[in-house]
Amino acid sequence: MHERCHARALPARPAAYDAARIPVDLAGSAGEILAHWPLVAIMTAGVLAGTIVGTPVLRRLPEQTFRRVVFGLVGLLGVAFLTGLLH
């Protein structure tokens, strides 16, 4: 795969699956979601901001660098969970 096209080569199926699942999740958990609406709003804003800022950055980032960064972050999260820093 060309190193510049990895951001555009992602399949659309996961997004379509999530979009189809949202009404079911809302119907079954609306009370819990509404109880935590400030956190949901902050998280939604973070996802939108990350997508808007991250997409152009990802397109310019070489695939090997992207893989190393993701590998490192996943590794750090794993260590944090194993050591009890996150729970």
PDB file of N, CA and C in Angstrom:
ATOM      1  N   MET A   1       0.855  -1.179   0.000  1.00  0.00           N
ATOM      2  CA  MET A   1       0.000   0.000   0.000  1.00  0.00           C
ATOM      3  C   MET A   1       0.895   1.234   0.000  1.00  0.00           C
ATOM      4  N   HIS A   2       0.562   2.200  -0.785  1.00  0.00           N
ATOM      5  CA  HIS A   2       1.308   3.446  -0.850  1.00  0.00           C
ATOM      6  C   HIS A   2       1.226   4.136   0.501  1.00  0.00           C
ATOM      7  N   GLU A   3       2.353   4.681   0.989  1.00  0.00           N
ATOM      8  CA  GLU A   3       2.382   5.227   2.340  1.00  0.00           C
ATOM      9  C   GLU A   3       1.474   6.445   2.530  1.00  0.00           C
ATOM     10  N   ARG A   4       1.091   7.113   1.478  1.00  0.00           N
ATOM     11  CA  ARG A   4       0.238   8.299   1.607  1.00  0.00           C
ATOM     12  C   ARG A   4      -1.247   7.971   1.532  1.00  0.00           C
ATOM     13  N   CYS A   5      -1.613   6.773   1.127  1.00  0.00           N
ATOM     14  CA  CYS A   5      -3.029   6.469   0.932  1.00  0.00           C
ATOM     15  C   CYS A   5      -3.632   5.693   2.097  1.00  0.00           C
ATOM     16  N   HIS A   6      -2.866   5.398   3.156  1.00  0.00           N
ATOM     17  CA  HIS A   6      -3.412   4.590   4.238  1.00  0.00           C
ATOM     18  C   HIS A   6      -4.574   5.262   4.951  1.00  0.00           C
ATOM     19  N   ALA A   7      -4.635   6.573   4.975  1.00  0.00           N
ATOM     20  CA  ALA A   7      -5.750   7.263   5.637  1.00  0.00           C
ATOM     21  C   ALA A   7      -7.034   7.131   4.830  1.00  0.00           C
ATOM     22  N   ARG A   8      -6.927   6.976   3.534  1.00  0.00           N
ATOM     23  CA  ARG A   8      -8.101   6.869   2.690  1.00  0.00           C
ATOM     24  C   ARG A   8      -8.499   5.427   2.409  1.00  0.00           C
ATOM     25  N   ALA A   9      -7.679   4.489   2.832  1.00  0.00           N
ATOM     26  CA  ALA A   9      -7.935   3.090   2.512  1.00  0.00           C
ATOM     27  C   ALA A   9      -8.739   2.378   3.600  1.00  0.00           C
ATOM     28  N   LEU A  10      -9.195   3.100   4.598  1.00  0.00           N
ATOM     29  CA  LEU A  10      -9.952   2.477   5.682  1.00  0.00           C
ATOM     30  C   LEU A  10     -11.337   2.074   5.190  1.00  0.00           C
ATOM     31  N   PRO A  11     -11.800   0.893   5.570  1.00  0.00           N
ATOM     32  CA  PRO A  11     -13.124   0.451   5.124  1.00  0.00           C
ATOM     33  C   PRO A  11     -14.237   1.245   5.787  1.00  0.00           C
ATOM     34  N   ALA A  12     -15.347   1.379   5.078  1.00  0.00           N
ATOM     35  CA  ALA A  12     -16.484   2.138   5.599  1.00  0.00           C
ATOM     36  C   ALA A  12     -17.398   1.273   6.460  1.00  0.00           C
ATOM     37  N   ARG A  13     -17.202  -0.023   6.469  1.00  0.00           N
ATOM     38  CA  ARG A  13     -18.086  -0.913   7.209  1.00  0.00           C
ATOM     39  C   ARG A  13     -18.167  -0.614   8.704  1.00  0.00           C
ATOM     40  N   PRO A  14     -17.047  -0.395   9.397  1.00  0.00           N
ATOM     41  CA  PRO A  14     -17.172  -0.117  10.834  1.00  0.00           C
ATOM     42  C   PRO A  14     -18.008   1.128  11.128  1.00  0.00           C
ATOM     43  N   ALA A  15     -17.848   2.172  10.329  1.00  0.00           N
ATOM     44  CA  ALA A  15     -18.630   3.390  10.546  1.00  0.00           C
ATOM     45  C   ALA A  15     -20.104   3.134  10.280  1.00  0.00           C
ATOM     46  N   ALA A  16     -20.411   2.381   9.251  1.00  0.00           N
ATOM     47  CA  ALA A  16     -21.811   2.059   8.950  1.00  0.00           C
ATOM     48  C   ALA A  16     -22.409   1.189  10.048  1.00  0.00           C
ATOM     49  N   TYR A  17     -21.622   0.261  10.557  1.00  0.00           N
ATOM     50  CA  TYR A  17     -22.079  -0.600  11.649  1.00  0.00           C
ATOM     51  C   TYR A  17     -22.382   0.237  12.894  1.00  0.00           C
ATOM     52  N   ASP A  18     -21.473   1.149  13.229  1.00  0.00           N
ATOM     53  CA  ASP A  18     -21.688   2.008  14.397  1.00  0.00           C
ATOM     54  C   ASP A  18     -22.912   2.893  14.207  1.00  0.00           C
ATOM     55  N   ALA A  19     -23.076   3.452  13.011  1.00  0.00           N
ATOM     56  CA  ALA A  19     -24.228   4.319  12.749  1.00  0.00           C
ATOM     57  C   ALA A  19     -25.537   3.541  12.880  1.00  0.00           C
ATOM     58  N   ALA A  20     -25.545   2.298  12.452  1.00  0.00           N
ATOM     59  CA  ALA A  20     -26.758   1.482  12.561  1.00  0.00           C
ATOM     60  C   ALA A  20     -27.023   1.068  14.004  1.00  0.00           C
ATOM     61  N   ARG A  21     -25.984   0.975  14.790  1.00  0.00           N
ATOM     62  CA  ARG A  21     -26.114   0.525  16.174  1.00  0.00           C
ATOM     63  C   ARG A  21     -26.529   1.646  17.133  1.00  0.00           C
ATOM     64  N   ILE A  22     -26.278   2.882  16.788  1.00  0.00           N
ATOM     65  CA  ILE A  22     -26.550   4.016  17.672  1.00  0.00           C
ATOM     66  C   ILE A  22     -28.006   4.054  18.138  1.00  0.00           C
ATOM     67  N   PRO A  23     -29.002   3.953  17.261  1.00  0.00           N
ATOM     68  CA  PRO A  23     -30.386   4.000  17.752  1.00  0.00           C
ATOM     69  C   PRO A  23     -30.710   2.873  18.737  1.00  0.00           C
ATOM     70  N   VAL A  24     -30.159   1.703  18.509  1.00  0.00           N
ATOM     71  CA  VAL A  24     -30.396   0.576  19.418  1.00  0.00           C
ATOM     72  C   VAL A  24     -29.768   0.856  20.777  1.00  0.00           C
ATOM     73  N   ASP A  25     -28.548   1.341  20.773  1.00  0.00           N
ATOM     74  CA  ASP A  25     -27.875   1.672  22.031  1.00  0.00           C
ATOM     75  C   ASP A  25     -28.607   2.776  22.775  1.00  0.00           C
ATOM     76  N   LEU A  26     -29.039   3.796  22.054  1.00  0.00           N
ATOM     77  CA  LEU A  26     -29.767   4.895  22.697  1.00  0.00           C
ATOM     78  C   LEU A  26     -31.086   4.419  23.297  1.00  0.00           C
ATOM     79  N   ALA A  27     -31.784   3.556  22.592  1.00  0.00           N
ATOM     80  CA  ALA A  27     -33.062   3.061  23.093  1.00  0.00           C
ATOM     81  C   ALA A  27     -32.871   2.236  24.363  1.00  0.00           C
ATOM     82  N   GLY A  28     -31.812   1.465  24.413  1.00  0.00           N
ATOM     83  CA  GLY A  28     -31.594   0.593  25.566  1.00  0.00           C
ATOM     84  C   GLY A  28     -30.912   1.260  26.732  1.00  0.00           C
ATOM     85  N   SER A  29     -30.193   2.348  26.499  1.00  0.00           N
ATOM     86  CA  SER A  29     -29.395   2.960  27.561  1.00  0.00           C
ATOM     87  C   SER A  29     -29.594   4.464  27.665  1.00  0.00           C
ATOM     88  N   ALA A  30     -30.704   4.969  27.198  1.00  0.00           N
ATOM     89  CA  ALA A  30     -30.920   6.421  27.165  1.00  0.00           C
ATOM     90  C   ALA A  30     -30.802   7.045  28.551  1.00  0.00           C
ATOM     91  N   GLY A  31     -31.349   6.384  29.551  1.00  0.00           N
ATOM     92  CA  GLY A  31     -31.294   6.934  30.908  1.00  0.00           C
ATOM     93  C   GLY A  31     -29.878   7.081  31.422  1.00  0.00           C
ATOM     94  N   GLU A  32     -29.069   6.055  31.218  1.00  0.00           N
ATOM     95  CA  GLU A  32     -27.673   6.111  31.662  1.00  0.00           C
ATOM     96  C   GLU A  32     -26.883   7.163  30.896  1.00  0.00           C
ATOM     97  N   ILE A  33     -27.135   7.230  29.596  1.00  0.00           N
ATOM     98  CA  ILE A  33     -26.421   8.215  28.772  1.00  0.00           C
ATOM     99  C   ILE A  33     -26.793   9.630  29.186  1.00  0.00           C
ATOM    100  N   LEU A  34     -28.082   9.874  29.395  1.00  0.00           N
ATOM    101  CA  LEU A  34     -28.522  11.208  29.807  1.00  0.00           C
ATOM    102  C   LEU A  34     -27.999  11.586  31.181  1.00  0.00           C
ATOM    103  N   ALA A  35     -27.826  10.606  32.051  1.00  0.00           N
ATOM    104  CA  ALA A  35     -27.293  10.892  33.387  1.00  0.00           C
ATOM    105  C   ALA A  35     -25.853  11.396  33.318  1.00  0.00           C
ATOM    106  N   HIS A  36     -25.162  11.026  32.264  1.00  0.00           N
ATOM    107  CA  HIS A  36     -23.759  11.420  32.095  1.00  0.00           C
ATOM    108  C   HIS A  36     -23.572  12.351  30.910  1.00  0.00           C
ATOM    109  N   TRP A  37     -24.599  13.145  30.592  1.00  0.00           N
ATOM    110  CA  TRP A  37     -24.546  13.961  29.387  1.00  0.00           C
ATOM    111  C   TRP A  37     -23.358  14.916  29.328  1.00  0.00           C
ATOM    112  N   PRO A  38     -22.881  15.519  30.439  1.00  0.00           N
ATOM    113  CA  PRO A  38     -21.713  16.408  30.287  1.00  0.00           C
ATOM    114  C   PRO A  38     -20.475  15.653  29.797  1.00  0.00           C
ATOM    115  N   LEU A  39     -20.264  14.464  30.332  1.00  0.00           N
ATOM    116  CA  LEU A  39     -19.123  13.668  29.898  1.00  0.00           C
ATOM    117  C   LEU A  39     -19.282  13.237  28.439  1.00  0.00           C
ATOM    118  N   VAL A  40     -20.483  12.841  28.062  1.00  0.00           N
ATOM    119  CA  VAL A  40     -20.746  12.453  26.671  1.00  0.00           C
ATOM    120  C   VAL A  40     -20.503  13.638  25.738  1.00  0.00           C
ATOM    121  N   ALA A  41     -20.925  14.816  26.122  1.00  0.00           N
ATOM    122  CA  ALA A  41     -20.724  16.010  25.292  1.00  0.00           C
ATOM    123  C   ALA A  41     -19.239  16.334  25.136  1.00  0.00           C
ATOM    124  N   ILE A  42     -18.482  16.248  26.231  1.00  0.00           N
ATOM    125  CA  ILE A  42     -17.039  16.521  26.167  1.00  0.00           C
ATOM    126  C   ILE A  42     -16.334  15.488  25.297  1.00  0.00           C
ATOM    127  N   MET A  43     -16.707  14.225  25.468  1.00  0.00           N
ATOM    128  CA  MET A  43     -16.080  13.172  24.668  1.00  0.00           C
ATOM    129  C   MET A  43     -16.423  13.325  23.195  1.00  0.00           C
ATOM    130  N   THR A  44     -17.658  13.682  22.890  1.00  0.00           N
ATOM    131  CA  THR A  44     -18.072  13.882  21.499  1.00  0.00           C
ATOM    132  C   THR A  44     -17.293  15.037  20.877  1.00  0.00           C
ATOM    133  N   ALA A  45     -17.153  16.129  21.617  1.00  0.00           N
ATOM    134  CA  ALA A  45     -16.379  17.269  21.116  1.00  0.00           C
ATOM    135  C   ALA A  45     -14.927  16.870  20.881  1.00  0.00           C
ATOM    136  N   GLY A  46     -14.367  16.064  21.766  1.00  0.00           N
ATOM    137  CA  GLY A  46     -12.991  15.598  21.601  1.00  0.00           C
ATOM    138  C   GLY A  46     -12.810  14.735  20.364  1.00  0.00           C
ATOM    139  N   VAL A  47     -13.773  13.861  20.123  1.00  0.00           N
ATOM    140  CA  VAL A  47     -13.708  13.006  18.930  1.00  0.00           C
ATOM    141  C   VAL A  47     -13.794  13.849  17.666  1.00  0.00           C
ATOM    142  N   LEU A  48     -14.713  14.799  17.644  1.00  0.00           N
ATOM    143  CA  LEU A  48     -14.854  15.654  16.462  1.00  0.00           C
ATOM    144  C   LEU A  48     -13.598  16.496  16.231  1.00  0.00           C
ATOM    145  N   ALA A  49     -13.071  17.093  17.303  1.00  0.00           N
ATOM    146  CA  ALA A  49     -11.857  17.907  17.170  1.00  0.00           C
ATOM    147  C   ALA A  49     -10.677  17.041  16.727  1.00  0.00           C
ATOM    148  N   GLY A  50     -10.553  15.854  17.300  1.00  0.00           N
ATOM    149  CA  GLY A  50      -9.470  14.952  16.913  1.00  0.00           C
ATOM    150  C   GLY A  50      -9.565  14.524  15.464  1.00  0.00           C
ATOM    151  N   THR A  51     -10.775  14.306  14.991  1.00  0.00           N
ATOM    152  CA  THR A  51     -10.970  13.914  13.598  1.00  0.00           C
ATOM    153  C   THR A  51     -10.627  15.067  12.663  1.00  0.00           C
ATOM    154  N   ILE A  52     -11.083  16.254  12.999  1.00  0.00           N
ATOM    155  CA  ILE A  52     -10.826  17.420  12.154  1.00  0.00           C
ATOM    156  C   ILE A  52      -9.333  17.740  12.092  1.00  0.00           C
ATOM    157  N   VAL A  53      -8.659  17.692  13.236  1.00  0.00           N
ATOM    158  CA  VAL A  53      -7.233  18.011  13.276  1.00  0.00           C
ATOM    159  C   VAL A  53      -6.393  16.827  12.806  1.00  0.00           C
ATOM    160  N   GLY A  54      -6.792  15.624  13.177  1.00  0.00           N
ATOM    161  CA  GLY A  54      -5.977  14.447  12.900  1.00  0.00           C
ATOM    162  C   GLY A  54      -5.975  13.982  11.465  1.00  0.00           C
ATOM    163  N   THR A  55      -7.060  14.173  10.750  1.00  0.00           N
ATOM    164  CA  THR A  55      -7.124  13.679   9.376  1.00  0.00           C
ATOM    165  C   THR A  55      -6.048  14.290   8.482  1.00  0.00           C
ATOM    166  N   PRO A  56      -5.882  15.614   8.459  1.00  0.00           N
ATOM    167  CA  PRO A  56      -4.813  16.169   7.618  1.00  0.00           C
ATOM    168  C   PRO A  56      -3.414  15.754   8.095  1.00  0.00           C
ATOM    169  N   VAL A  57      -3.238  15.624   9.406  1.00  0.00           N
ATOM    170  CA  VAL A  57      -1.942  15.201   9.932  1.00  0.00           C
ATOM    171  C   VAL A  57      -1.644  13.775   9.485  1.00  0.00           C
ATOM    172  N   LEU A  58      -2.631  12.901   9.576  1.00  0.00           N
ATOM    173  CA  LEU A  58      -2.448  11.507   9.182  1.00  0.00           C
ATOM    174  C   LEU A  58      -2.107  11.379   7.703  1.00  0.00           C
ATOM    175  N   ARG A  59      -2.686  12.200   6.885  1.00  0.00           N
ATOM    176  CA  ARG A  59      -2.404  12.135   5.440  1.00  0.00           C
ATOM    177  C   ARG A  59      -0.952  12.505   5.129  1.00  0.00           C
ATOM    178  N   ARG A  60      -0.349  13.363   5.947  1.00  0.00           N
ATOM    179  CA  ARG A  60       1.038  13.779   5.712  1.00  0.00           C
ATOM    180  C   ARG A  60       2.051  12.868   6.406  1.00  0.00           C
ATOM    181  N   LEU A  61       1.588  12.069   7.347  1.00  0.00           N
ATOM    182  CA  LEU A  61       2.477  11.237   8.155  1.00  0.00           C
ATOM    183  C   LEU A  61       2.824   9.943   7.416  1.00  0.00           C
ATOM    184  N   PRO A  62       4.097   9.610   7.326  1.00  0.00           N
ATOM    185  CA  PRO A  62       4.466   8.338   6.708  1.00  0.00           C
ATOM    186  C   PRO A  62       3.851   7.164   7.491  1.00  0.00           C
ATOM    187  N   GLU A  63       3.465   6.125   6.774  1.00  0.00           N
ATOM    188  CA  GLU A  63       2.789   4.995   7.405  1.00  0.00           C
ATOM    189  C   GLU A  63       3.651   4.355   8.491  1.00  0.00           C
ATOM    190  N   GLN A  64       4.954   4.228   8.252  1.00  0.00           N
ATOM    191  CA  GLN A  64       5.838   3.604   9.244  1.00  0.00           C
ATOM    192  C   GLN A  64       5.855   4.417  10.541  1.00  0.00           C
ATOM    193  N   THR A  65       5.864   5.723  10.445  1.00  0.00           N
ATOM    194  CA  THR A  65       5.833   6.582  11.633  1.00  0.00           C
ATOM    195  C   THR A  65       4.507   6.412  12.365  1.00  0.00           C
ATOM    196  N   PHE A  66       3.411   6.377  11.621  1.00  0.00           N
ATOM    197  CA  PHE A  66       2.096   6.181  12.221  1.00  0.00           C
ATOM    198  C   PHE A  66       2.049   4.860  12.986  1.00  0.00           C
ATOM    199  N   ARG A  67       2.551   3.800  12.372  1.00  0.00           N
ATOM    200  CA  ARG A  67       2.545   2.483  13.022  1.00  0.00           C
ATOM    201  C   ARG A  67       3.368   2.501  14.301  1.00  0.00           C
ATOM    202  N   ARG A  68       4.527   3.151  14.273  1.00  0.00           N
ATOM    203  CA  ARG A  68       5.379   3.215  15.474  1.00  0.00           C
ATOM    204  C   ARG A  68       4.699   3.996  16.596  1.00  0.00           C
ATOM    205  N   VAL A  69       4.069   5.102  16.251  1.00  0.00           N
ATOM    206  CA  VAL A  69       3.380   5.908  17.266  1.00  0.00           C
ATOM    207  C   VAL A  69       2.235   5.116  17.889  1.00  0.00           C
ATOM    208  N   VAL A  70       1.413   4.470  17.062  1.00  0.00           N
ATOM    209  CA  VAL A  70       0.290   3.683  17.580  1.00  0.00           C
ATOM    210  C   VAL A  70       0.807   2.531  18.429  1.00  0.00           C
ATOM    211  N   PHE A  71       1.828   1.832  17.961  1.00  0.00           N
ATOM    212  CA  PHE A  71       2.414   0.729  18.717  1.00  0.00           C
ATOM    213  C   PHE A  71       2.901   1.213  20.081  1.00  0.00           C
ATOM    214  N   GLY A  72       3.593   2.352  20.094  1.00  0.00           N
ATOM    215  CA  GLY A  72       4.097   2.905  21.354  1.00  0.00           C
ATOM    216  C   GLY A  72       2.986   3.296  22.311  1.00  0.00           C
ATOM    217  N   LEU A  73       1.943   3.942  21.791  1.00  0.00           N
ATOM    218  CA  LEU A  73       0.834   4.353  22.647  1.00  0.00           C
ATOM    219  C   LEU A  73       0.072   3.155  23.209  1.00  0.00           C
ATOM    220  N   VAL A  74      -0.157   2.145  22.386  1.00  0.00           N
ATOM    221  CA  VAL A  74      -0.835   0.940  22.864  1.00  0.00           C
ATOM    222  C   VAL A  74       0.028   0.244  23.912  1.00  0.00           C
ATOM    223  N   GLY A  75       1.317   0.200  23.677  1.00  0.00           N
ATOM    224  CA  GLY A  75       2.226  -0.393  24.662  1.00  0.00           C
ATOM    225  C   GLY A  75       2.207   0.352  25.985  1.00  0.00           C
ATOM    226  N   LEU A  76       2.233   1.686  25.931  1.00  0.00           N
ATOM    227  CA  LEU A  76       2.177   2.487  27.160  1.00  0.00           C
ATOM    228  C   LEU A  76       0.860   2.286  27.907  1.00  0.00           C
ATOM    229  N   LEU A  77      -0.241   2.226  27.176  1.00  0.00           N
ATOM    230  CA  LEU A  77      -1.524   1.953  27.816  1.00  0.00           C
ATOM    231  C   LEU A  77      -1.533   0.579  28.473  1.00  0.00           C
ATOM    232  N   GLY A  78      -0.964  -0.404  27.804  1.00  0.00           N
ATOM    233  CA  GLY A  78      -0.886  -1.745  28.380  1.00  0.00           C
ATOM    234  C   GLY A  78      -0.084  -1.759  29.665  1.00  0.00           C
ATOM    235  N   VAL A  79       1.051  -1.096  29.669  1.00  0.00           N
ATOM    236  CA  VAL A  79       1.882  -1.010  30.873  1.00  0.00           C
ATOM    237  C   VAL A  79       1.115  -0.287  31.989  1.00  0.00           C
ATOM    238  N   ALA A  80       0.432   0.803  31.633  1.00  0.00           N
ATOM    239  CA  ALA A  80      -0.320   1.558  32.632  1.00  0.00           C
ATOM    240  C   ALA A  80      -1.420   0.699  33.255  1.00  0.00           C
ATOM    241  N   PHE A  81      -2.114  -0.079  32.459  1.00  0.00           N
ATOM    242  CA  PHE A  81      -3.151  -0.964  32.998  1.00  0.00           C
ATOM    243  C   PHE A  81      -2.542  -2.055  33.867  1.00  0.00           C
ATOM    244  N   LEU A  82      -1.452  -2.645  33.409  1.00  0.00           N
ATOM    245  CA  LEU A  82      -0.822  -3.730  34.160  1.00  0.00           C
ATOM    246  C   LEU A  82      -0.252  -3.258  35.487  1.00  0.00           C
ATOM    247  N   THR A  83       0.225  -2.038  35.545  1.00  0.00           N
ATOM    248  CA  THR A  83       0.817  -1.513  36.785  1.00  0.00           C
ATOM    249  C   THR A  83      -0.233  -0.860  37.679  1.00  0.00           C
ATOM    250  N   GLY A  84      -1.463  -0.775  37.219  1.00  0.00           N
ATOM    251  CA  GLY A  84      -2.529  -0.219  38.041  1.00  0.00           C
ATOM    252  C   GLY A  84      -2.662   1.291  37.966  1.00  0.00           C
ATOM    253  N   LEU A  85      -1.930   1.938  37.066  1.00  0.00           N
ATOM    254  CA  LEU A  85      -2.068   3.381  36.936  1.00  0.00           C
ATOM    255  C   LEU A  85      -3.426   3.754  36.386  1.00  0.00           C
ATOM    256  N   LEU A  86      -3.966   2.907  35.523  1.00  0.00           N
ATOM    257  CA  LEU A  86      -5.314   3.095  34.979  1.00  0.00           C
ATOM    258  C   LEU A  86      -6.141   1.895  35.394  1.00  0.00           C
ATOM    259  N   HIS A  87      -7.371   2.140  35.759  1.00  0.00           N
ATOM    260  CA  HIS A  87      -8.242   1.011  36.133  1.00  0.00           C
ATOM    261  C   HIS A  87      -9.671   1.321  35.865  1.00  0.00           C
TER     262      HIS A  87
END
